Amino acid sequence: MSKGPTVLLIDDDKDYCHMMEIHLLDISNFKMICASNGRDGLEFARSMKPDIIVLDVIMPGIDGFAVLEALKKDKETVAIPVIMLTGLDDDQARLRASRLYDEACITKPVDAHQLKAKIEEILNIS
């Protein structure tokens, strides 16, 4: 079995992060890395070079928009695709994310199968 892509999930809800990690590992061969805040997420992105990042919008301290902006301004992380997760069913949030060059914006709660499919679509794998 070949090694699957590395997914960095950045979400301040540790229970959600752990649950999503378990569900994705159960249905895929993804390697999962979780960060519980924006600062750690940025550090992990720079040091671990994941294949894709799944990023929550609403987090204390550095929110997802600031993390996305920092990722896209950094030559080390600019090419890493980003899927934004938002609890906001808000067109303004989606527009702001797309202006910062995310690859997708998904409204929470997201099903692990839906997230897996979106990751595979963006990374062009099956």
C-alpha atoms as a PDB file:
ATOM      1  CA  MET A   1       0.000   0.000   0.000  1.00  0.00           C
ATOM      2  CA  SER A   2       1.440   3.365  -1.011  1.00  0.00           C
ATOM      3  CA  LYS A   3       1.809   6.216   1.428  1.00  0.00           C
ATOM      4  CA  GLY A   4      -1.082   8.620   1.210  1.00  0.00           C
ATOM      5  CA  PRO A   5      -0.915  12.391   1.328  1.00  0.00           C
ATOM      6  CA  THR A   6      -0.121  14.276   4.500  1.00  0.00           C
ATOM      7  CA  VAL A   7      -3.038  16.395   5.719  1.00  0.00           C
ATOM      8  CA  LEU A   8      -2.510  19.186   8.241  1.00  0.00           C
ATOM      9  CA  LEU A   9      -5.736  19.967  10.091  1.00  0.00           C
ATOM     10  CA  ILE A  10      -5.665  23.301  11.950  1.00  0.00           C
ATOM     11  CA  ASP A  11      -8.618  23.683  14.317  1.00  0.00           C
ATOM     12  CA  ASP A  12      -8.820  25.047  17.869  1.00  0.00           C
ATOM     13  CA  ASP A  13     -11.486  22.474  18.810  1.00  0.00           C
ATOM     14  CA  LYS A  14      -9.245  19.615  19.926  1.00  0.00           C
ATOM     15  CA  ASP A  15     -12.177  17.175  20.169  1.00  0.00           C
ATOM     16  CA  TYR A  16     -13.247  17.975  16.596  1.00  0.00           C
ATOM     17  CA  CYS A  17      -9.663  17.642  15.381  1.00  0.00           C
ATOM     18  CA  HIS A  18      -9.258  14.271  17.108  1.00  0.00           C
ATOM     19  CA  MET A  19     -12.635  13.003  15.846  1.00  0.00           C
ATOM     20  CA  MET A  20     -11.899  14.060  12.259  1.00  0.00           C
ATOM     21  CA  GLU A  21      -8.442  12.496  12.448  1.00  0.00           C
ATOM     22  CA  ILE A  22      -9.926   9.168  13.589  1.00  0.00           C
ATOM     23  CA  HIS A  23     -12.633   9.216  10.904  1.00  0.00           C
ATOM     24  CA  LEU A  24     -10.256  10.160   8.079  1.00  0.00           C
ATOM     25  CA  LEU A  25      -7.701   7.550   9.127  1.00  0.00           C
ATOM     26  CA  ASP A  26     -10.505   4.974   9.155  1.00  0.00           C
ATOM     27  CA  ILE A  27     -11.542   5.678   5.537  1.00  0.00           C
ATOM     28  CA  SER A  28      -8.273   6.747   3.916  1.00  0.00           C
ATOM     29  CA  ASN A  29      -4.526   6.255   3.905  1.00  0.00           C
ATOM     30  CA  PHE A  30      -3.889   9.918   4.732  1.00  0.00           C
ATOM     31  CA  LYS A  31      -1.190  10.809   7.221  1.00  0.00           C
ATOM     32  CA  MET A  32      -2.800  13.253   9.647  1.00  0.00           C
ATOM     33  CA  ILE A  33      -1.192  16.095  11.587  1.00  0.00           C
ATOM     34  CA  CYS A  34      -3.298  18.247  13.906  1.00  0.00           C
ATOM     35  CA  ALA A  35      -2.552  21.749  15.157  1.00  0.00           C
ATOM     36  CA  SER A  36      -4.796  23.363  17.744  1.00  0.00           C
ATOM     37  CA  ASN A  37      -4.040  26.987  16.890  1.00  0.00           C
ATOM     38  CA  GLY A  38      -2.904  29.192  14.038  1.00  0.00           C
ATOM     39  CA  ARG A  39       0.659  29.709  15.269  1.00  0.00           C
ATOM     40  CA  ASP A  40       1.321  25.976  15.584  1.00  0.00           C
ATOM     41  CA  GLY A  41      -0.390  25.411  12.243  1.00  0.00           C
ATOM     42  CA  LEU A  42       1.926  27.862  10.505  1.00  0.00           C
ATOM     43  CA  GLU A  43       4.968  26.289  12.155  1.00  0.00           C
ATOM     44  CA  PHE A  44       3.853  22.762  11.187  1.00  0.00           C
ATOM     45  CA  ALA A  45       3.126  23.873   7.611  1.00  0.00           C
ATOM     46  CA  ARG A  46       6.621  25.334   7.262  1.00  0.00           C
ATOM     47  CA  SER A  47       8.468  22.451   8.902  1.00  0.00           C
ATOM     48  CA  MET A  48       6.430  19.438   7.755  1.00  0.00           C
ATOM     49  CA  LYS A  49       5.362  20.586   4.261  1.00  0.00           C
ATOM     50  CA  PRO A  50       1.994  18.783   4.201  1.00  0.00           C
ATOM     51  CA  ASP A  51       0.360  17.965   0.873  1.00  0.00           C
ATOM     52  CA  ILE A  52      -2.787  19.876   1.868  1.00  0.00           C
ATOM     53  CA  ILE A  53      -4.072  21.964   4.780  1.00  0.00           C
ATOM     54  CA  VAL A  54      -7.590  21.910   6.216  1.00  0.00           C
ATOM     55  CA  LEU A  55      -8.009  25.177   8.107  1.00  0.00           C
ATOM     56  CA  ASP A  56     -10.758  26.334  10.453  1.00  0.00           C
ATOM     57  CA  VAL A  57     -11.802  29.956   9.992  1.00  0.00           C
ATOM     58  CA  ILE A  58     -12.823  30.879  13.533  1.00  0.00           C
ATOM     59  CA  MET A  59      -9.993  30.431  16.029  1.00  0.00           C
ATOM     60  CA  PRO A  60      -8.799  32.580  18.920  1.00  0.00           C
ATOM     61  CA  GLY A  61      -5.596  34.523  18.433  1.00  0.00           C
ATOM     62  CA  ILE A  62      -4.711  34.089  14.781  1.00  0.00           C
ATOM     63  CA  ASP A  63      -7.896  33.282  12.857  1.00  0.00           C
ATOM     64  CA  GLY A  64      -8.003  31.133   9.748  1.00  0.00           C
ATOM     65  CA  PHE A  65      -7.987  34.110   7.389  1.00  0.00           C
ATOM     66  CA  ALA A  66      -4.741  35.421   8.915  1.00  0.00           C
ATOM     67  CA  VAL A  67      -3.212  31.933   8.720  1.00  0.00           C
ATOM     68  CA  LEU A  68      -4.272  31.578   5.080  1.00  0.00           C
ATOM     69  CA  GLU A  69      -2.825  34.980   4.238  1.00  0.00           C
ATOM     70  CA  ALA A  70       0.483  34.097   5.944  1.00  0.00           C
ATOM     71  CA  LEU A  71       0.613  30.733   4.131  1.00  0.00           C
ATOM     72  CA  LYS A  72       0.086  32.356   0.732  1.00  0.00           C
ATOM     73  CA  LYS A  73       2.716  35.063   1.383  1.00  0.00           C
ATOM     74  CA  ASP A  74       5.401  32.547   2.419  1.00  0.00           C
ATOM     75  CA  LYS A  75       7.482  31.043  -0.395  1.00  0.00           C
ATOM     76  CA  GLU A  76       7.799  27.830   1.661  1.00  0.00           C
ATOM     77  CA  THR A  77       4.021  27.289   1.900  1.00  0.00           C
ATOM     78  CA  VAL A  78       2.447  29.236  -0.971  1.00  0.00           C
ATOM     79  CA  ALA A  79       1.912  26.131  -3.131  1.00  0.00           C
ATOM     80  CA  ILE A  80       0.206  24.044  -0.425  1.00  0.00           C
ATOM     81  CA  PRO A  81      -3.520  23.808  -1.217  1.00  0.00           C
ATOM     82  CA  VAL A  82      -5.876  24.943   1.559  1.00  0.00           C
ATOM     83  CA  ILE A  83      -9.445  23.924   2.324  1.00  0.00           C
ATOM     84  CA  MET A  84     -11.174  26.377   4.657  1.00  0.00           C
ATOM     85  CA  LEU A  85     -13.682  25.041   7.203  1.00  0.00           C
ATOM     86  CA  THR A  86     -16.227  27.466   8.521  1.00  0.00           C
ATOM     87  CA  GLY A  87     -19.133  27.229  10.879  1.00  0.00           C
ATOM     88  CA  LEU A  88     -20.374  30.358   9.167  1.00  0.00           C
ATOM     89  CA  ASP A  89     -22.837  29.759   6.368  1.00  0.00           C
ATOM     90  CA  ASP A  90     -21.803  33.144   5.114  1.00  0.00           C
ATOM     91  CA  ASP A  91     -21.081  34.231   1.556  1.00  0.00           C
ATOM     92  CA  GLN A  92     -18.802  37.010   2.870  1.00  0.00           C
ATOM     93  CA  ALA A  93     -16.551  34.447   4.585  1.00  0.00           C
ATOM     94  CA  ARG A  94     -16.414  32.360   1.404  1.00  0.00           C
ATOM     95  CA  LEU A  95     -15.601  35.408  -0.709  1.00  0.00           C
ATOM     96  CA  ARG A  96     -12.874  36.534   1.686  1.00  0.00           C
ATOM     97  CA  ALA A  97     -11.344  33.025   1.661  1.00  0.00           C
ATOM     98  CA  SER A  98     -11.408  32.848  -2.138  1.00  0.00           C
ATOM     99  CA  ARG A  99      -9.713  36.251  -2.395  1.00  0.00           C
ATOM    100  CA  LEU A 100      -6.915  34.826  -0.239  1.00  0.00           C
ATOM    101  CA  TYR A 101      -6.595  31.884  -2.647  1.00  0.00           C
ATOM    102  CA  ASP A 102      -8.058  28.946  -0.826  1.00  0.00           C
ATOM    103  CA  GLU A 103      -8.959  25.921  -2.946  1.00  0.00           C
ATOM    104  CA  ALA A 104     -12.319  25.289  -1.278  1.00  0.00           C
ATOM    105  CA  CYS A 105     -14.505  26.492   1.566  1.00  0.00           C
ATOM    106  CA  ILE A 106     -16.667  23.899   3.330  1.00  0.00           C
ATOM    107  CA  THR A 107     -19.303  24.643   5.964  1.00  0.00           C
ATOM    108  CA  LYS A 108     -19.076  22.755   9.268  1.00  0.00           C
ATOM    109  CA  PRO A 109     -20.128  20.270  10.336  1.00  0.00           C
ATOM    110  CA  VAL A 110     -18.435  18.372   7.522  1.00  0.00           C
ATOM    111  CA  ASP A 111     -18.703  14.637   7.051  1.00  0.00           C
ATOM    112  CA  ALA A 112     -15.354  12.791   6.883  1.00  0.00           C
ATOM    113  CA  HIS A 113     -16.359  11.211   3.559  1.00  0.00           C
ATOM    114  CA  GLN A 114     -17.116  14.668   2.100  1.00  0.00           C
ATOM    115  CA  LEU A 115     -13.794  16.030   3.321  1.00  0.00           C
ATOM    116  CA  LYS A 116     -11.922  12.978   2.006  1.00  0.00           C
ATOM    117  CA  ALA A 117     -13.550  13.429  -1.413  1.00  0.00           C
ATOM    118  CA  LYS A 118     -12.651  17.140  -1.512  1.00  0.00           C
ATOM    119  CA  ILE A 119      -9.038  16.415  -0.524  1.00  0.00           C
ATOM    120  CA  GLU A 120      -8.763  13.738  -3.227  1.00  0.00           C
ATOM    121  CA  GLU A 121     -10.335  16.073  -5.804  1.00  0.00           C
ATOM    122  CA  ILE A 122      -7.908  18.901  -5.039  1.00  0.00           C
ATOM    123  CA  LEU A 123      -4.881  16.603  -4.966  1.00  0.00           C
ATOM    124  CA  ASN A 124      -6.138  14.779  -8.061  1.00  0.00           C
ATOM    125  CA  ILE A 125      -6.015  11.338  -6.448  1.00  0.00           C
ATOM    126  CA  SER A 126      -8.531   8.535  -6.168  1.00  0.00           C
END
